[in-house]
Structure formats: C-alpha cells, structure tokens
Amino acid sequence: MNEMDFRCGLHTMSLSRKVVSDLVSRVKRVERVLGIDIDEEYEKDKCKRVMNFFIGGVNVEQEWGIEVGEIRTRTYKYAVVKYINVKDLMELER
C-alpha cells in the first residue's frame, strides 16, 4: 500500500490523526493476513475480491486459506471502504 497517499487522502476528509493511524493500521493488517497488496487489488477490481471476503461472497478458507473469524469484523471492512474512497477520489483528481 502507498501509505503516504492513503494518509494524505484521509487527512483531507478531516479525520483526526488517531483515526487516520487506526485506519492505516487496519488496512495493513488486512494486507498481512490475506497476503495481498491492497493497491494491486484496487487496480485489479477496485477491491471487490477483498470486500467479498468481508461479506462472505467467497469460500474464505479455500480462497484465502485463513480462518473466517480472524479479521472478519466491521472495523476492518470500514478501513478497506475508506481506502477505496480515498483511491476513488485520487482517480477523480487526475
């Protein structure tokens, strides 16, 4: 993940430093646990495959090779949604 771009994008949304730090940490954890690069996932399909993990649209154990309960929480989904929002805004500005 391009952490600086993500942080800057979050700051433009008037989020506190603490919230920005938490969101960045959560997206990094999603990357680590799923063994992905979120930037590459965004480029492939705007993170649809990652979002399917959170909504149960894929066979999680087969597709990702991890236990369902490990990071499947609203806070991690929210962080990925914020990442997608930032990337979409950055694309509009180009």
N, C-alpha and C. Protein backbone atom coordinates (compact mmCIF):
# COMPACT_ATOMS: atom_id res chain seq x y z
N MET A 1 0.84 -1.17 0.00
CA MET A 1 0.00 0.00 0.00
C MET A 1 0.88 1.23 0.00
N ASN A 2 0.45 2.22 -0.76
CA ASN A 2 1.12 3.50 -0.73
C ASN A 2 0.57 4.25 0.49
N GLU A 3 1.26 4.08 1.59
CA GLU A 3 0.76 4.60 2.87
C GLU A 3 0.64 6.12 2.89
N MET A 4 1.59 6.82 2.29
CA MET A 4 1.55 8.28 2.32
C MET A 4 0.33 8.83 1.59
N ASP A 5 0.02 8.28 0.41
CA ASP A 5 -1.16 8.73 -0.32
C ASP A 5 -2.43 8.46 0.48
N PHE A 6 -2.49 7.28 1.10
CA PHE A 6 -3.66 6.93 1.89
C PHE A 6 -3.81 7.88 3.08
N ARG A 7 -2.71 8.13 3.78
CA ARG A 7 -2.76 9.06 4.92
C ARG A 7 -3.20 10.46 4.50
N CYS A 8 -2.61 10.94 3.41
CA CYS A 8 -2.96 12.29 2.93
C CYS A 8 -4.43 12.37 2.54
N GLY A 9 -4.91 11.34 1.85
CA GLY A 9 -6.31 11.30 1.47
C GLY A 9 -7.24 11.30 2.67
N LEU A 10 -6.86 10.56 3.70
CA LEU A 10 -7.68 10.51 4.92
C LEU A 10 -7.68 11.86 5.63
N HIS A 11 -6.53 12.53 5.64
CA HIS A 11 -6.45 13.84 6.29
C HIS A 11 -7.35 14.86 5.58
N THR A 12 -7.51 14.73 4.25
CA THR A 12 -8.39 15.66 3.53
C THR A 12 -9.85 15.44 3.90
N MET A 13 -10.17 14.32 4.52
CA MET A 13 -11.53 14.03 4.97
C MET A 13 -11.76 14.56 6.39
N SER A 14 -10.84 15.35 6.87
CA SER A 14 -10.93 15.96 8.20
C SER A 14 -11.01 14.94 9.33
N LEU A 15 -10.27 13.87 9.20
CA LEU A 15 -10.20 12.86 10.25
C LEU A 15 -9.03 13.17 11.17
N SER A 16 -9.17 12.83 12.43
CA SER A 16 -8.10 13.08 13.40
C SER A 16 -6.90 12.18 13.10
N ARG A 17 -5.75 12.55 13.64
CA ARG A 17 -4.54 11.73 13.47
C ARG A 17 -4.74 10.32 13.99
N LYS A 18 -5.43 10.20 15.10
CA LYS A 18 -5.68 8.89 15.72
C LYS A 18 -6.50 8.01 14.78
N VAL A 19 -7.57 8.57 14.23
CA VAL A 19 -8.42 7.80 13.31
C VAL A 19 -7.64 7.41 12.07
N VAL A 20 -6.86 8.33 11.52
CA VAL A 20 -6.04 8.04 10.34
C VAL A 20 -5.08 6.90 10.64
N SER A 21 -4.40 6.99 11.77
CA SER A 21 -3.45 5.95 12.17
C SER A 21 -4.14 4.59 12.32
N ASP A 22 -5.31 4.58 12.95
CA ASP A 22 -6.06 3.33 13.13
C ASP A 22 -6.45 2.73 11.78
N LEU A 23 -6.95 3.56 10.86
CA LEU A 23 -7.37 3.05 9.55
C LEU A 23 -6.19 2.48 8.77
N VAL A 24 -5.06 3.18 8.80
CA VAL A 24 -3.87 2.69 8.10
C VAL A 24 -3.43 1.35 8.70
N SER A 25 -3.42 1.26 10.01
CA SER A 25 -3.02 0.02 10.68
C SER A 25 -3.94 -1.14 10.31
N ARG A 26 -5.22 -0.86 10.24
CA ARG A 26 -6.18 -1.93 9.91
C ARG A 26 -6.03 -2.41 8.47
N VAL A 27 -5.80 -1.49 7.55
CA VAL A 27 -5.60 -1.90 6.16
C VAL A 27 -4.31 -2.71 6.04
N LYS A 28 -3.27 -2.31 6.76
CA LYS A 28 -2.03 -3.08 6.75
C LYS A 28 -2.26 -4.50 7.29
N ARG A 29 -3.08 -4.61 8.31
CA ARG A 29 -3.36 -5.93 8.87
C ARG A 29 -4.13 -6.79 7.87
N VAL A 30 -5.08 -6.19 7.18
CA VAL A 30 -5.81 -6.92 6.14
C VAL A 30 -4.82 -7.42 5.09
N GLU A 31 -3.91 -6.56 4.67
CA GLU A 31 -2.89 -6.97 3.69
C GLU A 31 -2.08 -8.15 4.20
N ARG A 32 -1.63 -8.04 5.44
CA ARG A 32 -0.77 -9.08 6.02
C ARG A 32 -1.50 -10.41 6.15
N VAL A 33 -2.69 -10.37 6.71
CA VAL A 33 -3.44 -11.61 6.96
C VAL A 33 -3.88 -12.27 5.65
N LEU A 34 -4.32 -11.45 4.69
CA LEU A 34 -4.77 -12.02 3.42
C LEU A 34 -3.64 -12.25 2.44
N GLY A 35 -2.45 -11.73 2.75
CA GLY A 35 -1.30 -11.91 1.87
C GLY A 35 -1.47 -11.19 0.55
N ILE A 36 -1.96 -9.96 0.61
CA ILE A 36 -2.23 -9.19 -0.60
C ILE A 36 -1.54 -7.83 -0.53
N ASP A 37 -1.52 -7.15 -1.65
CA ASP A 37 -1.16 -5.73 -1.71
C ASP A 37 -2.45 -5.02 -2.09
N ILE A 38 -2.96 -4.19 -1.21
CA ILE A 38 -4.26 -3.55 -1.42
C ILE A 38 -4.26 -2.68 -2.67
N ASP A 39 -3.10 -2.07 -3.00
CA ASP A 39 -3.02 -1.26 -4.23
C ASP A 39 -3.25 -2.14 -5.46
N GLU A 40 -2.65 -3.32 -5.47
CA GLU A 40 -2.84 -4.25 -6.59
C GLU A 40 -4.29 -4.73 -6.67
N GLU A 41 -4.89 -4.99 -5.52
CA GLU A 41 -6.29 -5.41 -5.50
C GLU A 41 -7.21 -4.31 -6.04
N TYR A 42 -6.89 -3.07 -5.72
CA TYR A 42 -7.68 -1.94 -6.23
C TYR A 42 -7.54 -1.85 -7.74
N GLU A 43 -6.31 -2.00 -8.22
CA GLU A 43 -6.08 -1.91 -9.67
C GLU A 43 -6.78 -3.04 -10.42
N LYS A 44 -6.83 -4.24 -9.83
CA LYS A 44 -7.47 -5.40 -10.48
C LYS A 44 -8.97 -5.21 -10.60
N ASP A 45 -9.63 -4.94 -9.47
CA ASP A 45 -11.10 -4.93 -9.47
C ASP A 45 -11.70 -3.99 -8.43
N LYS A 46 -10.94 -2.94 -8.09
CA LYS A 46 -11.39 -1.97 -7.07
C LYS A 46 -11.72 -2.64 -5.75
N CYS A 47 -10.94 -3.66 -5.40
CA CYS A 47 -11.02 -4.38 -4.12
C CYS A 47 -12.30 -5.20 -3.95
N LYS A 48 -12.95 -5.56 -5.04
CA LYS A 48 -14.17 -6.37 -4.93
C LYS A 48 -13.89 -7.73 -4.29
N ARG A 49 -12.77 -8.34 -4.65
CA ARG A 49 -12.43 -9.64 -4.08
C ARG A 49 -12.20 -9.53 -2.57
N VAL A 50 -11.55 -8.46 -2.15
CA VAL A 50 -11.32 -8.23 -0.72
C VAL A 50 -12.64 -7.99 0.00
N MET A 51 -13.52 -7.18 -0.60
CA MET A 51 -14.81 -6.91 0.01
C MET A 51 -15.66 -8.18 0.09
N ASN A 52 -15.52 -9.06 -0.90
CA ASN A 52 -16.24 -10.34 -0.86
C ASN A 52 -15.83 -11.16 0.37
N PHE A 53 -14.59 -11.02 0.78
CA PHE A 53 -14.14 -11.69 1.99
C PHE A 53 -14.99 -11.27 3.18
N PHE A 54 -15.24 -9.97 3.27
CA PHE A 54 -15.99 -9.45 4.42
C PHE A 54 -17.48 -9.78 4.36
N ILE A 55 -18.03 -9.87 3.16
CA ILE A 55 -19.47 -10.17 3.06
C ILE A 55 -19.73 -11.65 2.87
N GLY A 56 -18.68 -12.43 2.82
CA GLY A 56 -18.85 -13.88 2.71
C GLY A 56 -19.19 -14.34 1.31
N GLY A 57 -18.85 -13.52 0.31
CA GLY A 57 -19.16 -13.87 -1.07
C GLY A 57 -18.20 -14.88 -1.68
N VAL A 58 -17.19 -15.28 -0.96
CA VAL A 58 -16.25 -16.29 -1.46
C VAL A 58 -16.09 -17.36 -0.38
N ASN A 59 -15.63 -18.51 -0.79
CA ASN A 59 -15.31 -19.54 0.18
C ASN A 59 -14.00 -19.11 0.83
N VAL A 60 -14.10 -18.55 2.01
CA VAL A 60 -12.97 -17.89 2.66
C VAL A 60 -11.79 -18.84 2.88
N GLU A 61 -12.05 -20.01 3.40
CA GLU A 61 -10.94 -20.92 3.68
C GLU A 61 -10.26 -21.36 2.40
N GLN A 62 -11.02 -21.61 1.34
CA GLN A 62 -10.43 -22.04 0.07
C GLN A 62 -9.72 -20.89 -0.63
N GLU A 63 -10.38 -19.74 -0.72
CA GLU A 63 -9.83 -18.60 -1.45
C GLU A 63 -8.63 -17.97 -0.74
N TRP A 64 -8.72 -17.80 0.59
CA TRP A 64 -7.69 -17.08 1.32
C TRP A 64 -6.83 -17.97 2.20
N GLY A 65 -7.29 -19.16 2.53
CA GLY A 65 -6.51 -20.06 3.37
C GLY A 65 -6.39 -19.62 4.81
N ILE A 66 -7.41 -18.91 5.32
CA ILE A 66 -7.38 -18.48 6.72
C ILE A 66 -8.73 -18.76 7.37
N GLU A 67 -8.74 -18.74 8.67
CA GLU A 67 -9.97 -18.93 9.43
C GLU A 67 -10.87 -17.70 9.27
N VAL A 68 -12.16 -17.92 9.20
CA VAL A 68 -13.12 -16.83 8.99
C VAL A 68 -13.06 -15.78 10.08
N GLY A 69 -12.97 -16.15 11.33
CA GLY A 69 -13.06 -15.20 12.43
C GLY A 69 -11.83 -14.34 12.64
N GLU A 70 -10.77 -14.58 11.90
CA GLU A 70 -9.51 -13.90 12.20
C GLU A 70 -9.59 -12.38 12.05
N ILE A 71 -10.08 -11.86 10.94
CA ILE A 71 -10.19 -10.41 10.81
C ILE A 71 -11.55 -9.97 10.27
N ARG A 72 -12.50 -10.83 10.31
CA ARG A 72 -13.79 -10.51 9.70
C ARG A 72 -14.63 -9.66 10.65
N THR A 73 -14.31 -8.42 10.73
CA THR A 73 -15.05 -7.51 11.61
C THR A 73 -15.41 -6.25 10.84
N ARG A 74 -16.37 -5.53 11.38
CA ARG A 74 -16.80 -4.29 10.72
C ARG A 74 -15.70 -3.25 10.66
N THR A 75 -14.85 -3.20 11.67
CA THR A 75 -13.81 -2.17 11.69
C THR A 75 -12.81 -2.36 10.55
N TYR A 76 -12.51 -3.61 10.21
CA TYR A 76 -11.58 -3.85 9.10
C TYR A 76 -12.26 -3.58 7.77
N LYS A 77 -13.52 -3.93 7.65
CA LYS A 77 -14.27 -3.64 6.43
C LYS A 77 -14.34 -2.13 6.24
N TYR A 78 -14.63 -1.41 7.31
CA TYR A 78 -14.71 0.05 7.26
C TYR A 78 -13.39 0.65 6.78
N ALA A 79 -12.27 0.13 7.26
CA ALA A 79 -10.96 0.62 6.85
C ALA A 79 -10.75 0.40 5.35
N VAL A 80 -11.14 -0.76 4.85
CA VAL A 80 -10.98 -1.04 3.41
C VAL A 80 -11.91 -0.13 2.60
N VAL A 81 -13.11 0.10 3.09
CA VAL A 81 -14.03 1.01 2.40
C VAL A 81 -13.43 2.42 2.33
N LYS A 82 -12.84 2.87 3.42
CA LYS A 82 -12.19 4.19 3.42
C LYS A 82 -11.03 4.21 2.42
N TYR A 83 -10.28 3.12 2.35
CA TYR A 83 -9.18 3.03 1.38
C TYR A 83 -9.74 3.18 -0.04
N ILE A 84 -10.81 2.48 -0.34
CA ILE A 84 -11.43 2.57 -1.67
C ILE A 84 -11.91 4.00 -1.94
N ASN A 85 -12.52 4.64 -0.95
CA ASN A 85 -12.98 6.02 -1.10
C ASN A 85 -11.83 6.96 -1.45
N VAL A 86 -10.71 6.81 -0.74
CA VAL A 86 -9.54 7.66 -0.99
C VAL A 86 -9.01 7.43 -2.40
N LYS A 87 -8.88 6.16 -2.81
CA LYS A 87 -8.37 5.85 -4.15
C LYS A 87 -9.31 6.40 -5.22
N ASP A 88 -10.63 6.26 -5.02
CA ASP A 88 -11.59 6.80 -5.99
C ASP A 88 -11.45 8.31 -6.11
N LEU A 89 -11.30 9.00 -5.00
CA LEU A 89 -11.12 10.47 -5.03
C LEU A 89 -9.83 10.85 -5.74
N MET A 90 -8.77 10.08 -5.50
CA MET A 90 -7.49 10.36 -6.16
C MET A 90 -7.61 10.18 -7.67
N GLU A 91 -8.37 9.19 -8.11
CA GLU A 91 -8.57 8.98 -9.54
C GLU A 91 -9.35 10.11 -10.17
N LEU A 92 -10.35 10.63 -9.43
CA LEU A 92 -11.14 11.75 -9.96
C LEU A 92 -10.30 13.01 -10.12
N GLU A 93 -9.32 13.18 -9.24
CA GLU A 93 -8.49 14.38 -9.28
C GLU A 93 -7.46 14.35 -10.41
N ARG A 94 -7.23 13.19 -10.98
CA ARG A 94 -6.23 13.10 -12.07
C ARG A 94 -6.72 13.66 -13.35
